[in-house]
C-alpha atoms as a PDB file:
ATOM      1  CA  MET A   1     -53.635 -20.993   7.015  1.00  0.00           C
ATOM      2  CA  MET A   2     -56.848 -22.999   6.846  1.00  0.00           C
ATOM      3  CA  HIS A   3     -59.422 -22.481   4.120  1.00  0.00           C
ATOM      4  CA  GLY A   4     -62.110 -24.954   5.144  1.00  0.00           C
ATOM      5  CA  PRO A   5     -62.326 -28.689   5.827  1.00  0.00           C
ATOM      6  CA  ILE A   6     -59.014 -30.503   5.483  1.00  0.00           C
ATOM      7  CA  SER A   7     -58.614 -33.319   2.977  1.00  0.00           C
ATOM      8  CA  ILE A   8     -55.713 -35.138   1.328  1.00  0.00           C
ATOM      9  CA  ASN A   9     -56.495 -36.646  -2.073  1.00  0.00           C
ATOM     10  CA  GLY A  10     -60.177 -36.583  -1.245  1.00  0.00           C
ATOM     11  CA  ILE A  11     -59.830 -38.232   2.175  1.00  0.00           C
ATOM     12  CA  ALA A  12     -61.135 -36.069   5.022  1.00  0.00           C
ATOM     13  CA  VAL A  13     -58.724 -35.301   7.863  1.00  0.00           C
ATOM     14  CA  ASP A  14     -59.956 -34.648  11.400  1.00  0.00           C
ATOM     15  CA  PRO A  15     -57.531 -32.183  13.041  1.00  0.00           C
ATOM     16  CA  ALA A  16     -59.132 -32.432  16.494  1.00  0.00           C
ATOM     17  CA  PRO A  17     -56.782 -35.107  17.975  1.00  0.00           C
ATOM     18  CA  TRP A  18     -53.670 -33.264  16.787  1.00  0.00           C
ATOM     19  CA  PRO A  19     -51.889 -30.171  18.142  1.00  0.00           C
ATOM     20  CA  THR A  20     -52.157 -28.406  14.770  1.00  0.00           C
ATOM     21  CA  PRO A  21     -54.098 -28.908  11.520  1.00  0.00           C
ATOM     22  CA  GLU A  22     -50.773 -29.064   9.680  1.00  0.00           C
ATOM     23  CA  LEU A  23     -49.582 -32.005  11.768  1.00  0.00           C
ATOM     24  CA  ALA A  24     -52.844 -33.850  11.119  1.00  0.00           C
ATOM     25  CA  ALA A  25     -52.477 -33.253   7.376  1.00  0.00           C
ATOM     26  CA  VAL A  26     -48.821 -34.366   7.340  1.00  0.00           C
ATOM     27  CA  ARG A  27     -49.750 -37.586   9.126  1.00  0.00           C
ATOM     28  CA  GLU A  28     -52.411 -38.399   6.517  1.00  0.00           C
ATOM     29  CA  LEU A  29     -50.097 -37.487   3.651  1.00  0.00           C
ATOM     30  CA  LEU A  30     -47.426 -39.855   4.956  1.00  0.00           C
ATOM     31  CA  ARG A  31     -49.971 -42.569   5.701  1.00  0.00           C
ATOM     32  CA  GLN A  32     -51.187 -42.479   2.108  1.00  0.00           C
ATOM     33  CA  ARG A  33     -47.622 -42.629   0.815  1.00  0.00           C
ATOM     34  CA  ALA A  34     -46.878 -45.651   3.028  1.00  0.00           C
ATOM     35  CA  VAL A  35     -49.940 -47.402   1.576  1.00  0.00           C
ATOM     36  CA  ALA A  36     -48.928 -46.483  -1.968  1.00  0.00           C
ATOM     37  CA  VAL A  37     -45.448 -48.014  -1.658  1.00  0.00           C
ATOM     38  CA  GLY A  38     -46.690 -51.185   0.022  1.00  0.00           C
ATOM     39  CA  LEU A  39     -45.494 -50.520   3.570  1.00  0.00           C
ATOM     40  CA  LEU A  40     -48.967 -50.288   5.042  1.00  0.00           C
ATOM     41  CA  ALA A  41     -52.289 -52.021   4.479  1.00  0.00           C
ATOM     42  CA  PRO A  42     -55.439 -49.883   4.672  1.00  0.00           C
ATOM     43  CA  GLY A  43     -57.499 -50.087   7.848  1.00  0.00           C
ATOM     44  CA  VAL A  44     -54.791 -50.966  10.394  1.00  0.00           C
ATOM     45  CA  ASP A  45     -54.530 -49.376  13.837  1.00  0.00           C
ATOM     46  CA  GLN A  46     -52.593 -46.208  14.655  1.00  0.00           C
ATOM     47  CA  GLU A  47     -49.606 -48.012  16.131  1.00  0.00           C
ATOM     48  CA  GLU A  48     -49.058 -49.978  12.913  1.00  0.00           C
ATOM     49  CA  GLU A  49     -49.524 -46.762  10.945  1.00  0.00           C
ATOM     50  CA  GLY A  50     -46.843 -45.073  13.031  1.00  0.00           C
ATOM     51  CA  ALA A  51     -44.375 -47.926  12.501  1.00  0.00           C
ATOM     52  CA  ALA A  52     -45.020 -47.895   8.751  1.00  0.00           C
ATOM     53  CA  ILE A  53     -44.493 -44.126   8.574  1.00  0.00           C
ATOM     54  CA  GLU A  54     -41.207 -44.461  10.469  1.00  0.00           C
ATOM     55  CA  ALA A  55     -40.107 -47.136   7.962  1.00  0.00           C
ATOM     56  CA  LEU A  56     -41.190 -44.920   5.070  1.00  0.00           C
ATOM     57  CA  LEU A  57     -39.106 -41.992   6.277  1.00  0.00           C
ATOM     58  CA  GLU A  58     -36.073 -44.192   6.886  1.00  0.00           C
ATOM     59  CA  ARG A  59     -36.340 -45.563   3.342  1.00  0.00           C
ATOM     60  CA  GLU A  60     -37.181 -42.438   1.359  1.00  0.00           C
ATOM     61  CA  VAL A  61     -35.476 -39.586   3.241  1.00  0.00           C
ATOM     62  CA  THR A  62     -31.713 -39.701   2.768  1.00  0.00           C
ATOM     63  CA  THR A  63     -29.464 -37.579   4.970  1.00  0.00           C
ATOM     64  CA  PRO A  64     -25.724 -37.467   4.163  1.00  0.00           C
ATOM     65  CA  GLU A  65     -23.186 -37.475   6.978  1.00  0.00           C
ATOM     66  CA  PRO A  66     -21.707 -34.015   7.646  1.00  0.00           C
ATOM     67  CA  SER A  67     -18.171 -33.442   6.411  1.00  0.00           C
ATOM     68  CA  GLU A  68     -15.208 -32.427   8.540  1.00  0.00           C
ATOM     69  CA  GLU A  69     -15.337 -28.935   7.010  1.00  0.00           C
ATOM     70  CA  GLU A  70     -19.040 -28.576   7.802  1.00  0.00           C
ATOM     71  CA  CYS A  71     -18.463 -29.698  11.382  1.00  0.00           C
ATOM     72  CA  ARG A  72     -15.600 -27.249  11.834  1.00  0.00           C
ATOM     73  CA  ARG A  73     -17.654 -24.403  10.370  1.00  0.00           C
ATOM     74  CA  PHE A  74     -20.571 -25.181  12.700  1.00  0.00           C
ATOM     75  CA  TYR A  75     -18.237 -25.344  15.703  1.00  0.00           C
ATOM     76  CA  ASP A  76     -16.713 -21.951  14.853  1.00  0.00           C
ATOM     77  CA  ALA A  77     -20.153 -20.394  14.332  1.00  0.00           C
ATOM     78  CA  HIS A  78     -21.456 -21.542  17.749  1.00  0.00           C
ATOM     79  CA  PRO A  79     -18.745 -20.678  20.273  1.00  0.00           C
ATOM     80  CA  GLY A  80     -21.105 -20.949  23.234  1.00  0.00           C
ATOM     81  CA  ALA A  81     -22.487 -24.394  22.424  1.00  0.00           C
ATOM     82  CA  PHE A  82     -19.500 -26.596  23.322  1.00  0.00           C
ATOM     83  CA  ARG A  83     -18.271 -25.892  26.802  1.00  0.00           C
ATOM     84  CA  SER A  84     -17.119 -27.827  29.850  1.00  0.00           C
ATOM     85  CA  GLY A  85     -18.530 -27.082  33.251  1.00  0.00           C
ATOM     86  CA  ASP A  86     -21.825 -25.865  31.804  1.00  0.00           C
ATOM     87  CA  LEU A  87     -24.791 -26.308  34.116  1.00  0.00           C
ATOM     88  CA  ILE A  88     -28.485 -26.401  33.292  1.00  0.00           C
ATOM     89  CA  PHE A  89     -31.391 -26.002  35.685  1.00  0.00           C
ATOM     90  CA  ALA A  90     -34.329 -27.727  34.017  1.00  0.00           C
ATOM     91  CA  ARG A  91     -37.724 -29.361  34.390  1.00  0.00           C
ATOM     92  CA  HIS A  92     -39.326 -32.064  32.279  1.00  0.00           C
ATOM     93  CA  ILE A  93     -42.452 -34.121  31.750  1.00  0.00           C
ATOM     94  CA  LEU A  94     -41.784 -37.693  30.643  1.00  0.00           C
ATOM     95  CA  PHE A  95     -44.210 -39.673  28.499  1.00  0.00           C
ATOM     96  CA  GLN A  96     -42.588 -43.068  28.962  1.00  0.00           C
ATOM     97  CA  ILE A  97     -42.258 -45.748  26.278  1.00  0.00           C
ATOM     98  CA  THR A  98     -42.169 -49.316  27.579  1.00  0.00           C
ATOM     99  CA  PRO A  99     -42.358 -52.648  25.722  1.00  0.00           C
ATOM    100  CA  GLY A 100     -45.827 -52.908  24.209  1.00  0.00           C
ATOM    101  CA  SER A 101     -46.585 -49.189  24.590  1.00  0.00           C
ATOM    102  CA  PRO A 102     -48.712 -47.649  21.796  1.00  0.00           C
ATOM    103  CA  VAL A 103     -45.906 -45.332  20.650  1.00  0.00           C
ATOM    104  CA  THR A 104     -48.062 -43.285  18.297  1.00  0.00           C
ATOM    105  CA  LEU A 105     -50.687 -42.611  20.960  1.00  0.00           C
ATOM    106  CA  VAL A 106     -48.052 -41.693  23.549  1.00  0.00           C
ATOM    107  CA  ARG A 107     -46.444 -39.281  21.095  1.00  0.00           C
ATOM    108  CA  GLU A 108     -49.818 -37.717  20.263  1.00  0.00           C
ATOM    109  CA  GLN A 109     -50.559 -37.104  23.945  1.00  0.00           C
ATOM    110  CA  ALA A 110     -47.118 -35.555  24.397  1.00  0.00           C
ATOM    111  CA  GLU A 111     -47.625 -33.297  21.357  1.00  0.00           C
ATOM    112  CA  ARG A 112     -51.012 -32.141  22.624  1.00  0.00           C
ATOM    113  CA  THR A 113     -49.593 -31.386  26.071  1.00  0.00           C
ATOM    114  CA  LEU A 114     -46.647 -29.479  24.576  1.00  0.00           C
ATOM    115  CA  ALA A 115     -48.991 -27.331  22.490  1.00  0.00           C
ATOM    116  CA  GLN A 116     -51.028 -26.593  25.635  1.00  0.00           C
ATOM    117  CA  LEU A 117     -47.963 -25.616  27.659  1.00  0.00           C
ATOM    118  CA  LEU A 118     -46.534 -23.371  24.955  1.00  0.00           C
ATOM    119  CA  GLU A 119     -49.783 -21.431  25.265  1.00  0.00           C
ATOM    120  CA  ALA A 120     -49.939 -21.632  29.079  1.00  0.00           C
ATOM    121  CA  PRO A 121     -46.469 -22.337  30.557  1.00  0.00           C
ATOM    122  CA  GLU A 122     -47.782 -21.683  34.058  1.00  0.00           C
ATOM    123  CA  ASP A 123     -49.520 -25.095  33.863  1.00  0.00           C
ATOM    124  CA  PHE A 124     -46.192 -26.970  33.675  1.00  0.00           C
ATOM    125  CA  ALA A 125     -46.118 -28.113  37.307  1.00  0.00           C
ATOM    126  CA  THR A 126     -49.707 -29.335  37.191  1.00  0.00           C
ATOM    127  CA  CYS A 127     -49.112 -31.307  33.991  1.00  0.00           C
ATOM    128  CA  ALA A 128     -45.913 -32.767  35.421  1.00  0.00           C
ATOM    129  CA  LEU A 129     -47.769 -33.931  38.518  1.00  0.00           C
ATOM    130  CA  THR A 130     -50.640 -35.529  36.611  1.00  0.00           C
ATOM    131  CA  LEU A 131     -48.938 -36.793  33.437  1.00  0.00           C
ATOM    132  CA  SER A 132     -45.209 -37.388  33.955  1.00  0.00           C
ATOM    133  CA  ASN A 133     -43.918 -40.945  34.297  1.00  0.00           C
ATOM    134  CA  CYS A 134     -40.838 -39.655  36.141  1.00  0.00           C
ATOM    135  CA  PRO A 135     -40.673 -39.337  39.959  1.00  0.00           C
ATOM    136  CA  SER A 136     -39.734 -35.678  39.404  1.00  0.00           C
ATOM    137  CA  GLY A 137     -43.356 -35.091  38.452  1.00  0.00           C
ATOM    138  CA  ARG A 138     -44.202 -34.895  42.164  1.00  0.00           C
ATOM    139  CA  HIS A 139     -41.942 -31.829  42.306  1.00  0.00           C
ATOM    140  CA  GLY A 140     -43.224 -30.044  39.219  1.00  0.00           C
ATOM    141  CA  GLY A 141     -40.856 -31.945  36.944  1.00  0.00           C
ATOM    142  CA  ASN A 142     -37.815 -30.323  38.548  1.00  0.00           C
ATOM    143  CA  LEU A 143     -34.542 -32.059  37.629  1.00  0.00           C
ATOM    144  CA  GLY A 144     -32.333 -29.654  39.559  1.00  0.00           C
ATOM    145  CA  GLN A 145     -28.800 -28.935  38.358  1.00  0.00           C
ATOM    146  CA  ILE A 146     -27.559 -30.934  35.349  1.00  0.00           C
ATOM    147  CA  GLY A 147     -24.039 -30.985  33.936  1.00  0.00           C
ATOM    148  CA  ARG A 148     -22.740 -32.455  30.695  1.00  0.00           C
ATOM    149  CA  GLY A 149     -22.426 -36.242  30.767  1.00  0.00           C
ATOM    150  CA  GLU A 150     -25.073 -36.678  33.461  1.00  0.00           C
ATOM    151  CA  THR A 151     -27.962 -37.615  31.138  1.00  0.00           C
ATOM    152  CA  VAL A 152     -28.390 -39.767  28.036  1.00  0.00           C
ATOM    153  CA  PRO A 153     -26.822 -38.162  24.915  1.00  0.00           C
ATOM    154  CA  GLU A 154     -30.076 -37.354  23.136  1.00  0.00           C
ATOM    155  CA  PHE A 155     -31.430 -35.546  26.208  1.00  0.00           C
ATOM    156  CA  GLU A 156     -28.142 -33.730  26.787  1.00  0.00           C
ATOM    157  CA  GLN A 157     -28.083 -32.518  23.193  1.00  0.00           C
ATOM    158  CA  ALA A 158     -31.513 -30.950  23.611  1.00  0.00           C
ATOM    159  CA  LEU A 159     -30.542 -29.280  26.894  1.00  0.00           C
ATOM    160  CA  PHE A 160     -27.199 -27.859  25.825  1.00  0.00           C
ATOM    161  CA  GLY A 161     -27.758 -27.503  22.094  1.00  0.00           C
ATOM    162  CA  ASP A 162     -28.732 -23.915  21.376  1.00  0.00           C
ATOM    163  CA  GLY A 163     -28.812 -21.835  24.554  1.00  0.00           C
ATOM    164  CA  ALA A 164     -32.587 -21.469  24.606  1.00  0.00           C
ATOM    165  CA  LEU A 165     -34.512 -20.713  27.792  1.00  0.00           C
ATOM    166  CA  GLY A 166     -38.096 -21.624  28.619  1.00  0.00           C
ATOM    167  CA  ILE A 167     -40.127 -24.517  27.286  1.00  0.00           C
ATOM    168  CA  LEU A 168     -38.420 -26.077  24.268  1.00  0.00           C
ATOM    169  CA  PRO A 169     -40.726 -25.849  21.230  1.00  0.00           C
ATOM    170  CA  GLN A 170     -40.310 -29.510  20.207  1.00  0.00           C
ATOM    171  CA  LEU A 171     -40.532 -32.801  22.027  1.00  0.00           C
ATOM    172  CA  VAL A 172     -37.248 -34.402  23.038  1.00  0.00           C
ATOM    173  CA  LYS A 173     -37.156 -38.080  22.101  1.00  0.00           C
ATOM    174  CA  SER A 174     -34.920 -40.322  24.191  1.00  0.00           C
ATOM    175  CA  ARG A 175     -34.627 -44.043  24.847  1.00  0.00           C
ATOM    176  CA  PHE A 176     -37.080 -43.534  27.729  1.00  0.00           C
ATOM    177  CA  GLY A 177     -39.834 -41.864  25.719  1.00  0.00           C
ATOM    178  CA  PHE A 178     -40.900 -38.338  24.837  1.00  0.00           C
ATOM    179  CA  HIS A 179     -39.998 -35.376  27.036  1.00  0.00           C
ATOM    180  CA  ILE A 180     -41.384 -31.875  27.322  1.00  0.00           C
ATOM    181  CA  VAL A 181     -38.444 -29.829  28.595  1.00  0.00           C
ATOM    182  CA  ALA A 182     -38.246 -26.414  30.227  1.00  0.00           C
ATOM    183  CA  VAL A 183     -34.814 -24.825  30.689  1.00  0.00           C
ATOM    184  CA  ASP A 184     -34.932 -22.341  33.559  1.00  0.00           C
ATOM    185  CA  ARG A 185     -31.293 -21.246  33.894  1.00  0.00           C
ATOM    186  CA  ARG A 186     -27.877 -21.753  32.303  1.00  0.00           C
ATOM    187  CA  VAL A 187     -24.425 -21.357  33.873  1.00  0.00           C
ATOM    188  CA  SER A 188     -21.593 -21.273  31.329  1.00  0.00           C
ATOM    189  CA  GLY A 189     -18.232 -23.052  31.637  1.00  0.00           C
ATOM    190  CA  GLU A 190     -15.184 -23.034  29.324  1.00  0.00           C
ATOM    191  CA  ARG A 191     -15.083 -23.752  25.607  1.00  0.00           C
ATOM    192  CA  LEU A 192     -13.925 -27.262  24.605  1.00  0.00           C
ATOM    193  CA  PRO A 193     -11.483 -27.910  21.719  1.00  0.00           C
ATOM    194  CA  PHE A 194     -13.003 -29.010  18.418  1.00  0.00           C
ATOM    195  CA  GLU A 195     -11.273 -32.404  18.556  1.00  0.00           C
ATOM    196  CA  VAL A 196     -13.002 -33.209  21.846  1.00  0.00           C
ATOM    197  CA  VAL A 197     -16.513 -32.412  20.570  1.00  0.00           C
ATOM    198  CA  ARG A 198     -16.203 -33.556  16.940  1.00  0.00           C
ATOM    199  CA  LYS A 199     -18.685 -36.419  17.350  1.00  0.00           C
ATOM    200  CA  ARG A 200     -21.173 -34.232  19.186  1.00  0.00           C
ATOM    201  CA  VAL A 201     -20.981 -31.576  16.467  1.00  0.00           C
ATOM    202  CA  ALA A 202     -21.539 -34.210  13.792  1.00  0.00           C
ATOM    203  CA  GLY A 203     -24.587 -35.506  15.642  1.00  0.00           C
ATOM    204  CA  MET A 204     -26.136 -32.054  15.924  1.00  0.00           C
ATOM    205  CA  LEU A 205     -25.513 -31.314  12.253  1.00  0.00           C
ATOM    206  CA  ALA A 206     -26.919 -34.679  11.184  1.00  0.00           C
ATOM    207  CA  GLU A 207     -30.140 -33.990  13.097  1.00  0.00           C
ATOM    208  CA  ARG A 208     -30.518 -30.576  11.466  1.00  0.00           C
ATOM    209  CA  VAL A 209     -29.883 -32.005   8.003  1.00  0.00           C
ATOM    210  CA  GLN A 210     -32.439 -34.725   8.671  1.00  0.00           C
ATOM    211  CA  ARG A 211     -35.118 -32.210   9.608  1.00  0.00           C
ATOM    212  CA  VAL A 212     -34.455 -30.154   6.473  1.00  0.00           C
ATOM    213  CA  ALA A 213     -34.557 -33.273   4.295  1.00  0.00           C
ATOM    214  CA  MET A 214     -37.787 -34.456   5.892  1.00  0.00           C
ATOM    215  CA  ASN A 215     -39.426 -31.070   5.399  1.00  0.00           C
ATOM    216  CA  GLN A 216     -38.393 -31.100   1.743  1.00  0.00           C
ATOM    217  CA  TYR A 217     -39.784 -34.602   1.375  1.00  0.00           C
ATOM    218  CA  VAL A 218     -43.153 -33.653   2.851  1.00  0.00           C
ATOM    219  CA  ARG A 219     -43.323 -30.574   0.628  1.00  0.00           C
ATOM    220  CA  LEU A 220     -42.611 -32.756  -2.405  1.00  0.00           C
ATOM    221  CA  LEU A 221     -45.413 -35.149  -1.467  1.00  0.00           C
ATOM    222  CA  ALA A 222     -47.740 -32.204  -0.831  1.00  0.00           C
ATOM    223  CA  GLY A 223     -46.920 -30.779  -4.256  1.00  0.00           C
ATOM    224  CA  GLN A 224     -48.001 -34.043  -5.879  1.00  0.00           C
ATOM    225  CA  ALA A 225     -51.189 -34.422  -3.828  1.00  0.00           C
ATOM    226  CA  ASP A 226     -54.579 -32.729  -3.725  1.00  0.00           C
ATOM    227  CA  VAL A 227     -54.229 -30.924  -0.392  1.00  0.00           C
ATOM    228  CA  ARG A 228     -57.178 -28.830   0.719  1.00  0.00           C
ATOM    229  CA  GLY A 229     -57.869 -26.746   3.792  1.00  0.00           C
ATOM    230  CA  VAL A 230     -54.260 -26.359   4.923  1.00  0.00           C
ATOM    231  CA  GLU A 231     -50.959 -25.126   3.474  1.00  0.00           C
ATOM    232  CA  LEU A 232     -47.992 -27.518   3.614  1.00  0.00           C
ATOM    233  CA  ARG A 233     -45.649 -26.048   1.009  1.00  0.00           C
ATOM    234  CA  ALA A 234     -45.084 -22.422   1.981  1.00  0.00           C
ATOM    235  CA  ALA A 235     -43.581 -22.780   5.476  1.00  0.00           C
ATOM    236  CA  GLU A 236     -41.717 -25.352   7.513  1.00  0.00           C
ATOM    237  CA  VAL A 237     -44.127 -28.160   8.219  1.00  0.00           C
ATOM    238  CA  PRO A 238     -44.360 -29.964  11.558  1.00  0.00           C
ATOM    239  CA  LEU A 239     -43.035 -33.508  11.453  1.00  0.00           C
ATOM    240  CA  LEU A 240     -43.753 -36.648  13.388  1.00  0.00           C
ATOM    241  CA  GLN A 241     -40.121 -37.302  14.308  1.00  0.00           C
END
């Protein structure tokens, strides 16, 4: 909830370029921390800021590897998540990252577009046509039928991870860039043995643990800062990863 102009330690934050005021405030909070620990010089451009923030999170947010017991427990609790023969019918909008791309700016555009589409999902085809760097954009972003093993692992994990339908609420980051993904239909196959999917389970758990750790880290920084105009400690905060 906002209570007026946003500032972090007396520095005004403009929320206009960001999907949410909270995301704008988190970015400034992390930028100030990167400056404080010597990873970032004041006055650099946004791309350098983004790289410094990534380095900050890698250095200060520790995420332990999930244990065998934790992996087994997660597998047992999600019987529908690990199946062979599963098929997904999906669409996407790709914001491509190429050598020399301003990663931070590309991510910001993707975040803004995602926020727009969560409010107006009927605009997906238009945004795919005008914004996507994938040839599928000419067809509304339609990827057709996708089975396991047919895409890069990070994209597959997002598609098959939790059984959700509709536009996924977070960007999917892959080696190609940032994706906005809509899952239109799922066709289930047969459940795979734990031994076959052990590495995949560990990867999913590690990502969840990382997000929890990063949220805790941001809340800790917020608790030590003079944050005005936005609340970063009461609820899960949006992150830049």
